[in-house]
N, C-alpha and C. Protein backbone atom coordinates (compact mmCIF):
# COMPACT_ATOMS: atom_id res chain seq x y z
N MET A 1 0.49 -25.65 -3.69
CA MET A 1 0.34 -24.39 -4.35
C MET A 1 1.22 -24.19 -5.10
N GLY A 2 1.05 -23.82 -6.20
CA GLY A 2 2.49 -23.27 -7.29
C GLY A 2 1.96 -21.80 -7.56
N THR A 3 2.97 -21.20 -8.73
CA THR A 3 2.67 -19.89 -9.14
C THR A 3 1.56 -19.85 -9.89
N ILE A 4 1.01 -18.94 -10.39
CA ILE A 4 0.07 -18.84 -11.40
C ILE A 4 0.64 -19.45 -12.82
N GLY A 5 1.87 -19.29 -13.14
CA GLY A 5 2.18 -19.82 -14.26
C GLY A 5 2.37 -21.49 -14.17
N ASP A 6 2.63 -21.97 -13.04
CA ASP A 6 2.64 -23.33 -12.65
C ASP A 6 1.12 -23.74 -12.83
N LEU A 7 0.41 -23.05 -12.34
CA LEU A 7 -1.05 -23.60 -12.22
C LEU A 7 -1.52 -23.81 -13.99
N LEU A 8 -1.14 -22.73 -14.66
CA LEU A 8 -1.71 -22.54 -16.04
C LEU A 8 -1.17 -23.46 -16.79
N GLY A 9 0.34 -23.64 -16.42
CA GLY A 9 0.86 -24.98 -17.21
C GLY A 9 0.35 -26.28 -17.15
N ASP A 10 0.29 -26.71 -15.74
CA ASP A 10 -0.49 -27.94 -15.54
C ASP A 10 -1.64 -28.09 -16.19
N ALA A 11 -2.37 -27.05 -15.93
CA ALA A 11 -3.80 -27.01 -16.34
C ALA A 11 -4.13 -27.44 -17.98
N LEU A 12 -2.97 -26.63 -18.52
CA LEU A 12 -3.00 -26.66 -19.88
C LEU A 12 -2.12 -28.10 -20.56
N GLY A 13 -1.22 -28.69 -19.78
CA GLY A 13 -0.99 -29.93 -20.25
C GLY A 13 -1.86 -30.82 -19.98
N GLN A 14 -2.68 -30.86 -18.88
CA GLN A 14 -3.90 -32.05 -18.69
C GLN A 14 -4.76 -31.88 -19.74
N ALA A 15 -5.31 -30.43 -19.96
CA ALA A 15 -5.96 -30.42 -21.08
C ALA A 15 -5.77 -31.02 -22.41
N LEU A 16 -4.64 -30.97 -22.73
CA LEU A 16 -3.91 -31.10 -24.00
C LEU A 16 -3.94 -32.59 -24.17
N ALA A 17 -3.65 -33.34 -22.89
CA ALA A 17 -3.57 -34.71 -22.59
C ALA A 17 -4.90 -35.25 -22.81
N SER A 18 -5.79 -34.59 -22.71
CA SER A 18 -7.23 -35.04 -22.91
C SER A 18 -7.76 -35.25 -24.36
N ASN A 19 -7.18 -34.42 -25.23
CA ASN A 19 -7.38 -34.44 -26.38
C ASN A 19 -8.83 -33.85 -26.95
N SER A 20 -9.26 -32.86 -26.05
CA SER A 20 -10.68 -32.52 -26.37
C SER A 20 -10.53 -30.86 -26.86
N ASP A 21 -11.00 -30.51 -27.83
CA ASP A 21 -11.28 -29.16 -28.12
C ASP A 21 -11.45 -28.35 -27.12
N ALA A 22 -12.40 -28.29 -26.46
CA ALA A 22 -12.64 -27.26 -25.68
C ALA A 22 -11.89 -27.30 -24.24
N ALA A 23 -11.46 -28.46 -24.10
CA ALA A 23 -10.71 -28.97 -22.92
C ALA A 23 -9.62 -27.80 -22.29
N PRO A 24 -8.69 -27.25 -23.35
CA PRO A 24 -7.58 -26.57 -23.05
C PRO A 24 -8.33 -25.17 -22.39
N VAL A 25 -9.06 -24.60 -23.14
CA VAL A 25 -9.84 -23.24 -22.69
C VAL A 25 -10.44 -23.50 -20.97
N GLU A 26 -11.17 -24.36 -20.93
CA GLU A 26 -11.84 -24.54 -19.70
C GLU A 26 -10.85 -25.01 -18.69
N ALA A 27 -9.71 -25.42 -18.99
CA ALA A 27 -8.63 -25.91 -17.99
C ALA A 27 -7.91 -24.86 -17.49
N ILE A 28 -7.75 -23.83 -18.80
CA ILE A 28 -7.10 -22.52 -18.19
C ILE A 28 -7.90 -21.74 -17.24
N GLU A 29 -9.40 -21.61 -17.86
CA GLU A 29 -10.10 -20.85 -16.86
C GLU A 29 -10.49 -21.24 -15.57
N GLY A 30 -10.26 -22.80 -15.28
CA GLY A 30 -10.51 -23.33 -14.06
C GLY A 30 -8.99 -22.89 -13.22
N ALA A 31 -7.91 -23.10 -13.66
CA ALA A 31 -6.49 -22.69 -13.24
C ALA A 31 -6.86 -20.98 -12.71
N ARG A 32 -7.20 -20.36 -13.66
CA ARG A 32 -7.51 -18.70 -13.54
C ARG A 32 -8.03 -18.71 -12.17
N GLU A 33 -9.08 -19.20 -12.25
CA GLU A 33 -10.25 -18.93 -10.97
C GLU A 33 -9.54 -19.68 -9.83
N GLN A 34 -8.84 -20.65 -9.75
CA GLN A 34 -7.87 -21.24 -8.58
C GLN A 34 -6.91 -20.16 -8.11
N ALA A 35 -6.37 -19.75 -8.93
CA ALA A 35 -5.37 -18.71 -8.67
C ALA A 35 -5.88 -17.49 -7.92
N ALA A 36 -6.77 -16.88 -8.42
CA ALA A 36 -7.75 -15.89 -7.96
C ALA A 36 -8.25 -16.24 -6.68
N GLU A 37 -8.74 -17.61 -6.25
CA GLU A 37 -9.20 -17.86 -4.91
C GLU A 37 -8.06 -17.70 -4.06
N GLU A 38 -6.98 -18.40 -4.26
CA GLU A 38 -5.81 -18.51 -3.80
C GLU A 38 -4.94 -17.33 -3.50
N ARG A 39 -5.21 -16.27 -4.25
CA ARG A 39 -4.50 -15.01 -4.00
C ARG A 39 -5.63 -14.15 -3.04
N ALA A 40 -6.72 -14.27 -3.24
CA ALA A 40 -7.79 -13.56 -2.34
C ALA A 40 -7.53 -14.34 -0.89
N GLU A 41 -7.42 -15.50 -0.67
CA GLU A 41 -7.19 -16.16 0.66
C GLU A 41 -5.89 -15.57 1.19
N HIS A 42 -4.80 -15.65 0.49
CA HIS A 42 -3.75 -15.00 0.92
C HIS A 42 -3.70 -13.43 1.22
N VAL A 43 -4.49 -12.82 0.57
CA VAL A 43 -4.51 -11.36 0.92
C VAL A 43 -5.33 -11.39 1.95
N ARG A 44 -6.41 -12.14 2.40
CA ARG A 44 -7.00 -12.29 3.56
C ARG A 44 -6.31 -12.34 5.16
N GLN A 45 -5.14 -13.40 4.72
CA GLN A 45 -4.46 -13.94 5.85
C GLN A 45 -3.54 -12.62 6.02
N VAL A 46 -2.83 -12.13 4.79
CA VAL A 46 -2.06 -10.87 5.33
C VAL A 46 -2.68 -9.82 6.01
N VAL A 47 -3.78 -9.45 5.70
CA VAL A 47 -4.81 -8.39 6.26
C VAL A 47 -4.89 -8.74 7.83
N GLN A 48 -5.21 -10.25 8.01
CA GLN A 48 -5.46 -10.61 9.31
C GLN A 48 -4.21 -10.44 10.21
N ASP A 49 -3.16 -10.94 9.58
CA ASP A 49 -1.81 -10.73 10.33
C ASP A 49 -1.54 -9.19 10.66
N ALA A 50 -1.70 -8.52 9.76
CA ALA A 50 -1.16 -7.08 9.83
C ALA A 50 -2.13 -6.44 10.94
N LEU A 51 -3.49 -6.79 11.08
CA LEU A 51 -4.22 -6.08 12.02
C LEU A 51 -3.80 -6.89 13.42
N VAL A 52 -3.59 -8.08 13.42
CA VAL A 52 -3.24 -8.66 14.64
C VAL A 52 -2.05 -8.31 15.40
N THR A 53 -0.98 -8.08 14.50
CA THR A 53 0.41 -7.67 14.82
C THR A 53 0.50 -6.26 15.34
N ASN A 54 -0.09 -5.59 14.23
CA ASN A 54 0.00 -3.95 14.51
C ASN A 54 -1.15 -3.22 15.26
N ALA A 55 -1.96 -3.70 15.40
CA ALA A 55 -3.19 -3.12 15.86
C ALA A 55 -3.66 -3.87 17.19
N SER A 56 -3.10 -4.58 17.48
CA SER A 56 -3.49 -5.33 18.76
C SER A 56 -4.94 -6.06 18.60
N VAL A 57 -5.44 -6.30 17.36
CA VAL A 57 -6.72 -6.86 16.98
C VAL A 57 -6.70 -8.48 17.43
N VAL A 58 -7.62 -9.06 18.21
CA VAL A 58 -7.91 -10.50 18.65
C VAL A 58 -8.33 -11.12 17.03
N PRO A 59 -7.59 -12.33 16.93
CA PRO A 59 -8.02 -12.84 15.77
C PRO A 59 -9.43 -13.41 15.49
N GLU A 60 -9.97 -13.72 16.73
CA GLU A 60 -11.46 -14.32 16.78
C GLU A 60 -12.15 -13.01 16.06
N ASN A 61 -11.96 -11.84 16.61
CA ASN A 61 -12.82 -10.76 16.16
C ASN A 61 -12.54 -10.38 14.71
N ILE A 62 -12.04 -11.13 13.76
CA ILE A 62 -11.86 -10.61 12.23
C ILE A 62 -12.70 -11.46 11.65
N ASP A 63 -13.62 -10.63 10.73
CA ASP A 63 -14.29 -11.02 9.90
C ASP A 63 -14.50 -10.24 8.76
N ASP A 64 -15.27 -10.42 7.82
CA ASP A 64 -15.51 -9.51 6.66
C ASP A 64 -16.37 -8.34 7.44
N ALA A 65 -17.02 -8.61 7.97
CA ALA A 65 -18.29 -7.79 8.22
C ALA A 65 -17.90 -6.90 9.36
N CYS A 66 -16.60 -7.15 10.12
CA CYS A 66 -16.31 -6.34 11.33
C CYS A 66 -16.08 -4.94 10.96
N LEU A 67 -16.49 -4.20 11.94
CA LEU A 67 -16.52 -2.72 11.56
C LEU A 67 -15.10 -2.21 12.26
N LEU A 68 -14.42 -1.42 11.27
CA LEU A 68 -13.08 -1.02 12.06
C LEU A 68 -13.21 -0.34 13.28
N SER A 69 -14.29 0.68 13.35
CA SER A 69 -14.60 1.22 14.74
C SER A 69 -14.84 0.47 15.55
N ALA A 70 -15.31 -0.68 15.59
CA ALA A 70 -15.61 -1.70 16.60
C ALA A 70 -14.19 -2.22 17.23
N LEU A 71 -13.17 -2.20 16.38
CA LEU A 71 -11.78 -2.58 16.60
C LEU A 71 -11.16 -1.52 17.71
N ASP A 72 -11.80 -0.13 17.79
CA ASP A 72 -10.96 0.47 18.39
C ASP A 72 -9.57 0.89 18.02
N LEU A 73 -9.25 1.06 16.76
CA LEU A 73 -7.99 1.34 16.08
C LEU A 73 -7.74 2.74 16.32
N ASP A 74 -6.68 3.03 16.54
CA ASP A 74 -6.22 4.57 16.59
C ASP A 74 -5.55 4.64 15.21
N THR A 75 -5.32 5.89 14.94
CA THR A 75 -4.58 6.28 13.57
C THR A 75 -3.26 5.57 13.40
N LEU A 76 -2.22 5.63 14.41
CA LEU A 76 -1.17 5.00 14.37
C LEU A 76 -0.90 3.58 14.12
N SER A 77 -2.16 2.87 14.76
CA SER A 77 -2.24 1.50 14.65
C SER A 77 -2.76 1.03 13.30
N LEU A 78 -3.51 1.89 12.84
CA LEU A 78 -4.39 1.49 11.40
C LEU A 78 -2.97 1.89 10.43
N TYR A 79 -2.09 2.64 10.45
CA TYR A 79 -1.06 3.04 9.49
C TYR A 79 -0.03 2.10 9.63
N ALA A 80 0.47 1.52 10.71
CA ALA A 80 1.39 0.56 10.94
C ALA A 80 0.65 -0.67 10.16
N ALA A 81 -0.53 -0.99 10.19
CA ALA A 81 -1.10 -2.18 9.61
C ALA A 81 -1.02 -1.72 7.85
N VAL A 82 -1.59 -0.77 7.87
CA VAL A 82 -1.21 -0.24 6.30
C VAL A 82 0.31 -0.36 5.61
N SER A 83 1.40 -0.11 6.52
CA SER A 83 2.84 -0.36 6.27
C SER A 83 3.01 -1.61 6.00
N ALA A 84 2.84 -2.31 6.87
CA ALA A 84 2.72 -3.96 6.83
C ALA A 84 2.14 -4.52 5.65
N LEU A 85 0.79 -4.13 5.27
CA LEU A 85 0.24 -4.46 4.20
C LEU A 85 1.04 -4.33 2.93
N GLU A 86 1.41 -2.90 2.55
CA GLU A 86 2.21 -2.33 1.69
C GLU A 86 3.27 -3.39 1.56
N HIS A 87 4.09 -3.58 2.60
CA HIS A 87 5.59 -4.07 2.60
C HIS A 87 5.22 -5.87 2.15
N GLU A 88 4.40 -6.31 2.80
CA GLU A 88 4.22 -7.85 2.50
C GLU A 88 3.67 -8.17 1.21
N LEU A 89 2.97 -7.06 0.64
CA LEU A 89 2.31 -7.39 -0.72
C LEU A 89 2.86 -6.19 -2.07
N ALA A 90 4.03 -5.62 -1.59
CA ALA A 90 4.56 -4.93 -2.51
C ALA A 90 3.87 -4.09 -3.10
N ILE A 91 2.95 -3.31 -2.60
CA ILE A 91 1.98 -2.43 -3.29
C ILE A 91 2.06 -1.00 -2.26
N THR A 92 1.34 0.00 -3.03
CA THR A 92 1.24 1.28 -2.08
C THR A 92 -0.26 1.16 -1.97
N ILE A 93 -0.82 1.54 -0.93
CA ILE A 93 -2.22 2.15 -0.89
C ILE A 93 -2.13 3.52 -0.43
N PRO A 94 -3.08 4.08 -1.55
CA PRO A 94 -3.50 5.41 -1.35
C PRO A 94 -4.23 5.78 -0.07
N ASP A 95 -3.84 6.89 0.73
CA ASP A 95 -4.54 7.45 1.78
C ASP A 95 -6.31 7.46 1.52
N ALA A 96 -6.51 8.06 0.18
CA ALA A 96 -7.66 7.71 -0.12
C ALA A 96 -8.78 6.57 -0.08
N ALA A 97 -7.70 5.66 -0.24
CA ALA A 97 -8.26 4.21 -0.02
C ALA A 97 -8.53 3.90 1.05
N VAL A 98 -7.52 4.19 2.12
CA VAL A 98 -7.71 3.74 3.57
C VAL A 98 -8.96 4.69 4.12
N SER A 99 -9.06 5.83 3.69
CA SER A 99 -10.21 6.63 4.51
C SER A 99 -11.67 6.10 3.83
N GLN A 100 -11.62 5.42 2.91
CA GLN A 100 -12.88 4.69 2.61
C GLN A 100 -13.32 3.16 3.13
N TRP A 101 -12.24 2.77 4.21
CA TRP A 101 -12.35 1.43 4.73
C TRP A 101 -13.36 1.82 5.82
N VAL A 102 -14.45 0.76 5.79
CA VAL A 102 -15.15 0.80 7.01
C VAL A 102 -15.20 -0.66 7.58
N THR A 103 -15.11 -1.52 7.07
CA THR A 103 -15.03 -3.01 7.38
C THR A 103 -13.74 -3.56 7.10
N ILE A 104 -13.44 -4.74 7.95
CA ILE A 104 -12.20 -5.36 7.29
C ILE A 104 -12.70 -6.03 5.98
N GLY A 105 -13.66 -6.19 5.54
CA GLY A 105 -14.01 -6.69 4.22
C GLY A 105 -13.42 -5.73 3.04
N ASP A 106 -13.88 -4.48 3.53
CA ASP A 106 -13.20 -3.43 2.56
C ASP A 106 -11.76 -3.42 2.68
N ILE A 107 -10.93 -3.53 3.56
CA ILE A 107 -9.75 -3.61 3.59
C ILE A 107 -9.10 -4.94 2.58
N ALA A 108 -9.87 -6.10 2.91
CA ALA A 108 -9.60 -7.08 2.08
C ALA A 108 -9.79 -6.89 0.66
N SER A 109 -10.61 -6.21 0.15
CA SER A 109 -11.18 -5.89 -1.15
C SER A 109 -10.24 -5.00 -1.73
N SER A 110 -10.09 -3.97 -1.06
CA SER A 110 -9.18 -2.67 -1.84
C SER A 110 -7.76 -3.47 -1.76
N VAL A 111 -7.34 -3.91 -0.80
CA VAL A 111 -5.93 -4.35 -0.97
C VAL A 111 -5.84 -5.62 -2.12
N GLY A 112 -6.92 -6.28 -2.07
CA GLY A 112 -6.87 -7.46 -3.27
C GLY A 112 -6.90 -6.92 -4.65
N GLU A 113 -7.62 -5.77 -4.74
CA GLU A 113 -7.47 -5.30 -6.33
C GLU A 113 -6.10 -4.54 -6.50
N LEU A 114 -5.42 -3.89 -5.43
CA LEU A 114 -4.23 -3.18 -5.72
C LEU A 114 -3.05 -4.40 -5.83
N ALA A 115 -3.17 -5.53 -5.08
CA ALA A 115 -2.22 -6.63 -5.30
C ALA A 115 -2.61 -7.30 -6.61
N GLN A 116 -3.54 -7.08 -7.59
CA GLN A 116 -3.43 -7.83 -8.82
C GLN A 116 -2.53 -7.72 -9.57
């Protein structure tokens, strides 16, 4: 896995080598999709790590549909996880966003949008 620039550069180089008019655009789009998938997976892993480390959540209990209320998180644990997410992804998560979270999928989606 490389940086997004590496992925785009590799895809563009391969497309140009194939000598097709449509190939560079398709290759770049493919590289963008791959980079977005990798970014989403990275965010999900960071969310899982933050919850496991700071909120004593068992990794087997973590999936997108899992309700935060079922995890028995107190406010301190939740905000410890939020702090870890902010630090790891170099983002700021507004309290308004945190108050909207109902499931772990909500966290991953919200954090993923902020991390773009």
